[in-house]
N, C-alpha and C. Protein backbone atom coordinates (compact mmCIF):
# COMPACT_ATOMS: atom_id res chain seq x y z
N MET A 1 6.50 4.52 23.32
CA MET A 1 5.76 4.95 22.33
C MET A 1 4.18 5.36 22.78
N THR A 2 3.55 6.19 22.93
CA THR A 2 2.25 6.36 23.24
C THR A 2 1.63 6.59 21.86
N ASP A 3 -0.21 6.39 21.77
CA ASP A 3 -0.97 6.54 20.58
C ASP A 3 -0.71 8.13 20.28
N GLU A 4 -0.93 8.92 21.14
CA GLU A 4 -0.90 10.38 21.05
C GLU A 4 0.11 10.90 20.36
N SER A 5 1.48 10.17 20.35
CA SER A 5 2.64 10.73 19.90
C SER A 5 2.71 10.46 18.21
N VAL A 6 1.62 9.78 17.96
CA VAL A 6 1.82 9.62 16.31
C VAL A 6 1.00 10.45 15.68
N SER A 7 1.45 11.45 15.06
CA SER A 7 0.43 12.27 13.88
C SER A 7 1.33 12.56 12.62
N PRO A 8 1.12 11.55 11.83
CA PRO A 8 2.15 11.45 10.79
C PRO A 8 1.70 12.27 9.61
N ILE A 9 3.01 12.52 8.86
CA ILE A 9 2.38 13.48 7.54
C ILE A 9 2.63 12.65 6.47
N ILE A 10 1.54 12.65 5.75
CA ILE A 10 1.16 11.77 4.47
C ILE A 10 1.64 12.52 3.32
N ARG A 11 2.51 11.79 2.62
CA ARG A 11 3.13 12.48 1.35
C ARG A 11 3.38 11.82 0.26
N LYS A 12 3.63 12.16 -0.87
CA LYS A 12 4.07 11.21 -2.14
C LYS A 12 5.24 10.76 -1.74
N MET A 13 5.31 9.54 -2.03
CA MET A 13 6.44 8.49 -2.64
C MET A 13 7.46 9.12 -3.18
N THR A 14 8.53 9.03 -3.08
CA THR A 14 9.49 9.58 -3.90
C THR A 14 10.97 8.31 -3.99
N GLU A 15 11.79 8.54 -4.67
CA GLU A 15 12.94 7.35 -4.62
C GLU A 15 13.85 7.61 -3.18
N LYS A 16 13.85 8.73 -2.73
CA LYS A 16 14.45 8.99 -1.38
C LYS A 16 14.01 8.15 -0.23
N ASP A 17 12.55 8.18 -0.63
CA ASP A 17 11.99 6.74 0.54
C ASP A 17 12.57 5.17 0.47
N LEU A 18 13.15 4.89 -0.69
CA LEU A 18 13.49 3.25 -0.67
C LEU A 18 14.26 2.86 0.25
N GLY A 19 15.33 3.43 0.74
CA GLY A 19 16.00 3.00 2.19
C GLY A 19 15.21 2.46 3.00
N ARG A 20 14.23 3.49 3.61
CA ARG A 20 13.12 2.93 4.58
C ARG A 20 12.22 2.22 4.45
N MET A 21 11.99 2.00 3.15
CA MET A 21 10.93 0.99 2.77
C MET A 21 11.55 -0.43 2.74
N VAL A 22 12.94 -0.47 2.24
CA VAL A 22 14.06 -1.80 2.42
C VAL A 22 13.98 -2.02 4.17
N GLU A 23 14.00 -1.21 5.14
CA GLU A 23 14.38 -1.54 6.35
C GLU A 23 13.14 -2.11 6.75
N ILE A 24 11.87 -1.29 6.50
CA ILE A 24 10.72 -1.33 7.07
C ILE A 24 10.28 -3.12 6.87
N ASP A 25 10.61 -3.35 5.36
CA ASP A 25 10.38 -4.83 4.77
C ASP A 25 11.18 -5.86 5.21
N ILE A 26 12.42 -5.50 5.82
CA ILE A 26 13.12 -6.34 6.74
C ILE A 26 12.69 -6.45 8.06
N LYS A 27 12.08 -5.79 8.57
CA LYS A 27 11.72 -5.90 9.74
C LYS A 27 10.41 -6.51 9.81
N VAL A 28 9.65 -6.32 8.81
CA VAL A 28 8.32 -7.18 8.51
C VAL A 28 8.46 -8.52 8.23
N LEU A 29 9.28 -8.79 7.25
CA LEU A 29 9.53 -10.04 6.32
C LEU A 29 10.65 -10.77 6.75
N GLY A 30 11.49 -9.94 7.21
CA GLY A 30 13.00 -10.62 7.60
C GLY A 30 13.98 -10.77 6.07
N GLU A 31 13.46 -10.24 5.31
CA GLU A 31 14.57 -10.19 3.93
C GLU A 31 14.73 -8.72 3.59
N SER A 32 15.89 -8.69 3.12
CA SER A 32 16.49 -7.30 2.41
C SER A 32 16.08 -7.61 0.89
N ARG A 33 15.34 -6.88 0.38
CA ARG A 33 15.10 -6.89 -1.16
C ARG A 33 14.84 -5.60 -2.00
N PRO A 34 16.37 -4.89 -1.88
CA PRO A 34 16.18 -3.61 -2.52
C PRO A 34 15.84 -3.49 -3.72
N GLU A 35 16.35 -4.44 -4.62
CA GLU A 35 16.07 -4.38 -6.00
C GLU A 35 14.24 -4.56 -6.23
N TYR A 36 13.68 -5.58 -5.73
CA TYR A 36 12.09 -5.34 -5.41
C TYR A 36 11.66 -4.30 -5.24
N TRP A 37 11.96 -3.66 -4.43
CA TRP A 37 11.38 -2.14 -4.09
C TRP A 37 11.92 -1.08 -4.82
N GLU A 38 12.84 -1.43 -5.81
CA GLU A 38 13.32 -0.21 -6.70
C GLU A 38 12.27 -0.47 -7.64
N MET A 39 12.04 -1.97 -8.39
CA MET A 39 11.09 -1.94 -9.37
C MET A 39 9.78 -1.63 -8.95
N LYS A 40 8.99 -1.87 -7.88
CA LYS A 40 7.90 -1.54 -7.72
C LYS A 40 7.65 0.02 -7.52
N LEU A 41 8.97 0.78 -6.86
CA LEU A 41 8.55 2.25 -6.63
C LEU A 41 8.58 2.75 -8.60
N ALA A 42 9.32 1.95 -9.32
CA ALA A 42 9.45 2.61 -10.57
C ALA A 42 8.12 2.23 -11.56
N LEU A 43 7.69 1.05 -11.28
CA LEU A 43 6.15 0.74 -11.89
C LEU A 43 5.27 1.55 -11.07
N ALA A 44 5.22 1.75 -9.79
CA ALA A 44 4.02 2.45 -9.64
C ALA A 44 3.99 4.14 -10.24
N GLU A 45 4.99 4.62 -10.19
CA GLU A 45 5.15 6.10 -10.59
C GLU A 45 4.94 6.11 -12.12
N ARG A 46 5.57 4.86 -12.92
CA ARG A 46 5.34 4.93 -14.57
C ARG A 46 3.93 4.62 -14.83
N HIS A 47 3.25 3.88 -14.03
CA HIS A 47 1.85 3.29 -14.71
C HIS A 47 0.63 3.82 -13.87
N SER A 48 0.53 4.88 -13.13
CA SER A 48 -0.35 5.34 -12.76
C SER A 48 -0.63 6.69 -12.24
N ALA A 49 -2.00 7.43 -12.44
CA ALA A 49 -2.17 8.76 -12.26
C ALA A 49 -2.06 9.07 -10.63
N VAL A 50 -2.26 7.94 -9.96
CA VAL A 50 -2.08 8.01 -8.50
C VAL A 50 -0.88 7.89 -8.23
N SER A 51 -0.53 8.76 -7.08
CA SER A 51 1.21 8.28 -6.39
C SER A 51 0.90 7.59 -5.35
N SER A 52 1.67 6.80 -5.11
CA SER A 52 1.91 6.06 -3.62
C SER A 52 2.49 6.86 -2.84
N LEU A 53 2.10 6.56 -1.51
CA LEU A 53 2.18 7.43 -0.26
C LEU A 53 3.20 7.04 0.69
N VAL A 54 3.58 7.77 1.67
CA VAL A 54 4.54 7.27 2.87
C VAL A 54 3.94 8.24 3.89
N ALA A 55 4.20 7.68 4.72
CA ALA A 55 3.94 8.44 6.29
C ALA A 55 4.99 8.71 7.05
N GLU A 56 5.22 9.92 7.36
CA GLU A 56 6.46 10.40 8.19
C GLU A 56 5.94 10.87 9.22
N VAL A 57 6.92 10.45 10.72
CA VAL A 57 6.82 10.91 11.90
C VAL A 57 8.20 11.52 12.23
N ASP A 58 8.14 12.48 12.88
CA ASP A 58 9.59 13.25 12.98
C ASP A 58 10.48 13.11 11.63
N GLY A 59 10.19 13.35 10.58
CA GLY A 59 10.88 13.11 9.38
C GLY A 59 11.13 12.10 9.13
N LYS A 60 11.07 10.75 9.69
CA LYS A 60 11.28 9.63 9.46
C LYS A 60 9.93 8.83 8.86
N VAL A 61 10.24 8.10 7.55
CA VAL A 61 9.18 7.28 6.90
C VAL A 61 8.93 6.22 7.76
N VAL A 62 7.81 6.08 8.34
CA VAL A 62 7.37 4.80 9.25
C VAL A 62 6.07 4.19 8.37
N GLY A 63 5.77 3.96 7.48
CA GLY A 63 4.98 3.36 6.42
C GLY A 63 4.67 3.69 5.31
N PHE A 64 4.02 2.82 4.48
CA PHE A 64 3.96 3.37 2.99
C PHE A 64 2.75 2.59 2.28
N ILE A 65 2.08 3.16 1.21
CA ILE A 65 1.02 2.45 0.21
C ILE A 65 1.53 2.24 -1.01
N ILE A 66 1.64 1.38 -1.54
CA ILE A 66 1.35 1.54 -3.01
C ILE A 66 0.23 0.98 -3.72
N GLY A 67 -0.27 1.93 -4.55
CA GLY A 67 -1.39 1.60 -5.08
C GLY A 67 -1.77 2.18 -6.74
N ALA A 68 -2.25 1.92 -7.27
CA ALA A 68 -2.96 2.51 -8.74
C ALA A 68 -4.32 2.33 -9.17
N ALA A 69 -4.12 3.42 -10.14
CA ALA A 69 -5.59 3.58 -11.05
C ALA A 69 -5.25 2.49 -12.12
N THR A 70 -5.84 1.53 -12.39
CA THR A 70 -5.54 0.41 -13.23
C THR A 70 -6.03 0.45 -14.77
N GLY A 71 -6.73 1.25 -15.07
CA GLY A 71 -7.40 1.35 -16.47
C GLY A 71 -6.46 1.35 -17.43
N TRP A 72 -5.04 0.85 -17.38
CA TRP A 72 -4.38 1.16 -18.44
C TRP A 72 -3.63 -0.21 -19.07
N GLU A 73 -4.38 -1.29 -18.29
CA GLU A 73 -3.96 -2.76 -18.89
C GLU A 73 -5.12 -3.66 -18.93
N TYR A 74 -4.85 -5.01 -19.59
CA TYR A 74 -5.84 -5.97 -19.60
C TYR A 74 -7.29 -5.68 -19.84
N GLY A 75 -7.74 -4.69 -20.14
CA GLY A 75 -8.83 -4.31 -20.42
C GLY A 75 -9.85 -3.76 -19.00
N VAL A 76 -8.86 -3.79 -18.22
CA VAL A 76 -9.58 -3.49 -16.96
C VAL A 76 -10.22 -2.04 -16.71
N PRO A 77 -11.58 -1.67 -16.49
CA PRO A 77 -12.02 -0.44 -16.48
C PRO A 77 -10.90 0.54 -15.85
N VAL A 78 -11.10 1.94 -16.35
CA VAL A 78 -10.44 3.21 -15.73
C VAL A 78 -11.15 3.26 -14.32
N SER A 79 -12.18 3.05 -13.88
CA SER A 79 -12.84 2.98 -12.64
C SER A 79 -12.45 2.16 -11.46
N LEU A 80 -11.19 1.05 -12.11
CA LEU A 80 -10.99 0.54 -11.10
C LEU A 80 -9.43 0.67 -10.29
N GLY A 81 -9.37 0.83 -9.35
CA GLY A 81 -7.95 1.02 -8.27
C GLY A 81 -7.43 -0.37 -7.82
N PHE A 82 -6.08 -0.16 -7.67
CA PHE A 82 -5.76 -1.32 -6.86
C PHE A 82 -4.83 -1.18 -5.63
N ILE A 83 -4.82 -1.62 -4.67
CA ILE A 83 -3.92 -1.52 -3.48
C ILE A 83 -2.86 -2.63 -3.69
N ASP A 84 -1.61 -2.46 -3.82
CA ASP A 84 -0.57 -3.44 -4.06
C ASP A 84 -0.12 -3.80 -3.05
N THR A 85 0.49 -2.92 -2.15
CA THR A 85 1.38 -3.12 -0.71
C THR A 85 0.94 -2.17 0.16
N VAL A 86 0.90 -2.63 1.65
CA VAL A 86 0.74 -1.74 2.61
C VAL A 86 2.03 -2.37 3.74
N GLY A 87 2.79 -1.45 3.82
CA GLY A 87 3.79 -1.43 4.82
C GLY A 87 3.92 -0.67 6.22
N VAL A 88 4.04 -1.04 7.35
CA VAL A 88 4.11 -0.03 8.58
C VAL A 88 5.35 -0.67 9.29
N ASP A 89 6.49 0.24 9.49
CA ASP A 89 7.15 -0.16 10.89
C ASP A 89 6.58 -0.78 11.95
N PRO A 90 6.83 -1.78 12.69
CA PRO A 90 6.45 -2.95 13.65
C PRO A 90 6.34 -1.95 14.71
N GLU A 91 7.20 -1.09 15.06
CA GLU A 91 7.25 -0.02 16.20
C GLU A 91 5.96 1.00 15.99
N TYR A 92 5.60 0.93 14.91
CA TYR A 92 4.54 2.06 14.53
C TYR A 92 3.20 1.28 14.28
N GLN A 93 2.99 0.20 14.16
CA GLN A 93 2.04 -0.59 13.92
C GLN A 93 0.65 -0.21 14.77
N LYS A 94 -0.30 -0.59 14.56
CA LYS A 94 -1.78 -0.61 15.61
C LYS A 94 -1.80 0.78 15.75
N LYS A 95 -1.34 1.94 15.48
CA LYS A 95 -1.45 3.27 15.68
C LYS A 95 -2.52 4.13 15.03
N GLY A 96 -2.72 3.50 13.98
CA GLY A 96 -3.66 4.16 12.66
C GLY A 96 -2.71 4.56 11.28
N ILE A 97 -1.62 4.30 11.44
CA ILE A 97 -1.09 4.71 10.04
C ILE A 97 -1.01 3.85 8.82
N ALA A 98 -1.67 2.59 8.81
CA ALA A 98 -1.89 2.10 7.69
C ALA A 98 -3.30 2.76 7.30
N ARG A 99 -4.46 2.89 8.28
CA ARG A 99 -5.81 3.44 8.13
C ARG A 99 -5.42 5.00 7.54
N MET A 100 -4.64 5.67 7.72
CA MET A 100 -4.34 6.92 7.30
C MET A 100 -4.07 6.94 6.00
N LEU A 101 -2.79 6.01 5.54
CA LEU A 101 -2.37 6.02 4.42
C LEU A 101 -3.69 5.49 3.43
N PHE A 102 -4.29 4.36 3.67
CA PHE A 102 -5.33 4.26 2.84
C PHE A 102 -6.17 4.98 2.86
N LEU A 103 -6.67 5.58 3.60
CA LEU A 103 -7.89 6.72 3.27
C LEU A 103 -7.25 7.72 2.44
N GLU A 104 -6.07 8.25 2.56
CA GLU A 104 -5.22 9.22 1.74
C GLU A 104 -5.24 8.55 0.51
N MET A 105 -5.03 7.57 0.08
CA MET A 105 -4.80 6.68 -1.45
C MET A 105 -6.20 6.54 -1.78
N LEU A 106 -7.27 6.23 -1.14
CA LEU A 106 -8.84 6.30 -1.39
C LEU A 106 -8.89 7.61 -2.50
N ALA A 107 -8.82 8.67 -1.53
CA ALA A 107 -8.94 9.81 -1.97
C ALA A 107 -8.65 10.23 -3.26
N ASN A 108 -7.38 10.00 -3.09
CA ASN A 108 -6.82 10.39 -4.78
C ASN A 108 -7.26 9.34 -5.65
N LEU A 109 -7.73 7.78 -5.67
CA LEU A 109 -8.21 7.29 -6.48
C LEU A 109 -9.57 7.86 -6.89
N LYS A 110 -10.26 8.34 -5.79
CA LYS A 110 -11.75 8.98 -6.45
C LYS A 110 -11.78 10.22 -7.31
N LYS A 111 -10.18 10.80 -6.94
CA LYS A 111 -10.13 12.07 -7.74
C LYS A 111 -9.88 11.82 -9.14
N VAL A 112 -9.50 10.48 -9.34
CA VAL A 112 -9.26 10.35 -11.06
C VAL A 112 -10.35 9.02 -11.55
N GLY A 113 -11.23 9.42 -10.69
CA GLY A 113 -12.51 8.38 -11.23
C GLY A 113 -12.93 6.94 -10.81
N VAL A 114 -11.83 6.57 -9.90
CA VAL A 114 -12.08 5.35 -9.52
C VAL A 114 -13.02 5.04 -8.49
N ASN A 115 -14.23 4.16 -8.77
CA ASN A 115 -15.00 3.71 -7.82
C ASN A 115 -15.29 2.48 -7.41
N LYS A 116 -14.00 1.55 -7.44
CA LYS A 116 -13.76 0.34 -6.90
C LYS A 116 -12.40 0.00 -6.79
N VAL A 117 -12.07 -0.57 -5.44
CA VAL A 117 -10.54 -0.85 -5.17
C VAL A 117 -10.58 -2.27 -5.05
N THR A 118 -9.24 -2.89 -5.51
CA THR A 118 -9.16 -4.38 -5.44
C THR A 118 -7.50 -4.32 -4.70
N THR A 119 -7.72 -5.64 -4.05
CA THR A 119 -6.12 -6.18 -3.53
C THR A 119 -6.39 -7.72 -3.52
N TYR A 120 -4.78 -8.03 -3.18
CA TYR A 120 -4.79 -9.63 -2.85
C TYR A 120 -4.06 -9.72 -1.52
N VAL A 121 -4.80 -10.68 -0.74
CA VAL A 121 -4.43 -10.97 0.20
C VAL A 121 -4.07 -12.18 0.66
N GLU A 122 -3.00 -13.04 0.93
CA GLU A 122 -2.63 -14.36 1.26
C GLU A 122 -4.13 -14.75 2.31
N TRP A 123 -4.35 -16.24 2.10
CA TRP A 123 -5.48 -16.44 2.58
C TRP A 123 -5.31 -16.70 4.11
N ARG A 124 -4.02 -16.75 4.47
CA ARG A 124 -4.27 -16.80 6.17
C ARG A 124 -3.18 -15.82 6.63
N ASP A 125 -3.21 -14.62 5.79
CA ASP A 125 -2.67 -13.48 6.57
C ASP A 125 -3.59 -12.99 7.28
N TRP A 126 -3.70 -13.17 8.36
CA TRP A 126 -4.96 -12.64 9.17
C TRP A 126 -4.87 -11.14 9.65
N GLY A 127 -3.66 -10.82 9.69
CA GLY A 127 -3.43 -9.53 10.00
C GLY A 127 -3.89 -8.31 9.08
N LEU A 128 -3.67 -8.74 7.91
CA LEU A 128 -3.85 -7.99 6.49
C LEU A 128 -5.14 -8.22 6.37
N LEU A 129 -6.04 -9.34 6.38
CA LEU A 129 -7.34 -9.71 6.21
C LEU A 129 -8.16 -8.78 7.12
N LYS A 130 -7.83 -8.68 8.58
CA LYS A 130 -8.56 -8.08 9.34
C LYS A 130 -8.40 -6.54 8.95
N PHE A 131 -7.49 -6.05 8.56
CA PHE A 131 -7.24 -4.85 8.20
C PHE A 131 -8.19 -4.21 7.25
N PHE A 132 -7.82 -5.12 6.15
CA PHE A 132 -8.64 -4.65 4.93
C PHE A 132 -10.45 -5.28 5.29
N ASN A 133 -10.57 -5.83 6.02
CA ASN A 133 -12.13 -6.26 6.34
C ASN A 133 -12.48 -4.78 7.29
N ALA A 134 -11.72 -4.57 8.19
CA ALA A 134 -12.01 -3.06 8.82
C ALA A 134 -12.16 -1.79 7.89
N MET A 135 -11.29 -1.79 6.87
CA MET A 135 -11.53 -0.63 5.71
C MET A 135 -13.04 -0.98 4.87
N GLY A 136 -13.45 -1.92 4.98
CA GLY A 136 -14.70 -2.20 4.16
C GLY A 136 -14.64 -3.25 3.24
N PHE A 137 -13.56 -3.91 2.62
CA PHE A 137 -13.10 -4.72 1.86
C PHE A 137 -14.22 -5.88 2.02
N GLN A 138 -14.81 -7.00 1.17
CA GLN A 138 -15.24 -8.02 1.03
C GLN A 138 -14.84 -8.71 -0.30
N LYS A 139 -15.11 -9.99 0.08
CA LYS A 139 -14.94 -10.92 -1.02
C LYS A 139 -15.11 -10.63 -2.49
N GLY A 140 -14.36 -10.36 -3.43
CA GLY A 140 -15.00 -9.97 -4.75
C GLY A 140 -15.20 -11.12 -5.57
N ASN A 141 -15.47 -10.94 -7.14
CA ASN A 141 -15.74 -11.81 -7.89
C ASN A 141 -14.54 -12.37 -8.67
N ILE A 142 -13.49 -12.01 -8.76
CA ILE A 142 -12.13 -12.49 -9.40
C ILE A 142 -11.67 -14.16 -8.45
N VAL A 143 -11.43 -14.76 -9.04
CA VAL A 143 -10.92 -15.96 -8.53
C VAL A 143 -9.32 -16.09 -8.89
N ASN A 144 -8.46 -16.39 -7.91
CA ASN A 144 -7.28 -16.52 -8.14
C ASN A 144 -6.87 -17.85 -8.33
N LEU A 145 -6.33 -18.36 -9.70
CA LEU A 145 -5.87 -19.48 -9.96
C LEU A 145 -4.34 -19.53 -9.92
N GLU A 146 -3.91 -20.89 -9.42
CA GLU A 146 -2.30 -20.66 -9.50
C GLU A 146 -2.15 -22.24 -10.07
N LEU A 147 -0.72 -22.39 -10.61
CA LEU A 147 -0.38 -23.70 -11.09
C LEU A 147 1.19 -24.27 -10.53
N ASN A 148 1.33 -24.73 -9.91
CA ASN A 148 2.86 -25.41 -9.49
C ASN A 148 3.31 -25.69 -10.78
N ILE A 149 4.38 -25.49 -11.22
CA ILE A 149 5.19 -26.16 -12.34
C ILE A 149 7.09 -26.63 -11.83
């Protein structure tokens, strides 16, 4: 596949996309977690004014982004958005799919009054760190705390 052959349609994520999301997850992480993705999809739709998105190429979902406008919990201001998950089929990575999904999500977040977006990335996930750096993210003011029990 050449870079020129990829011109995805970006659209709202629906329940019918669940199967492809699970397939992409298996390709990327090597795990089958359909219940996890069912829960993620339900939460995303229930708790945000902004829809999560998928990218389709020739009618096939090749990537997705789950995000939200988070002003509904923990006293977080309405103006804050959150990117939860970005997933792209390995066959379609490095073709701008994640960037297109991200830019569309940003546009949608801006429409509902979001002026700052946050996300979590594992410290040594160099691919995601590089992607979010390219999108303009920088280290924020919140510190992640953990306790093993």
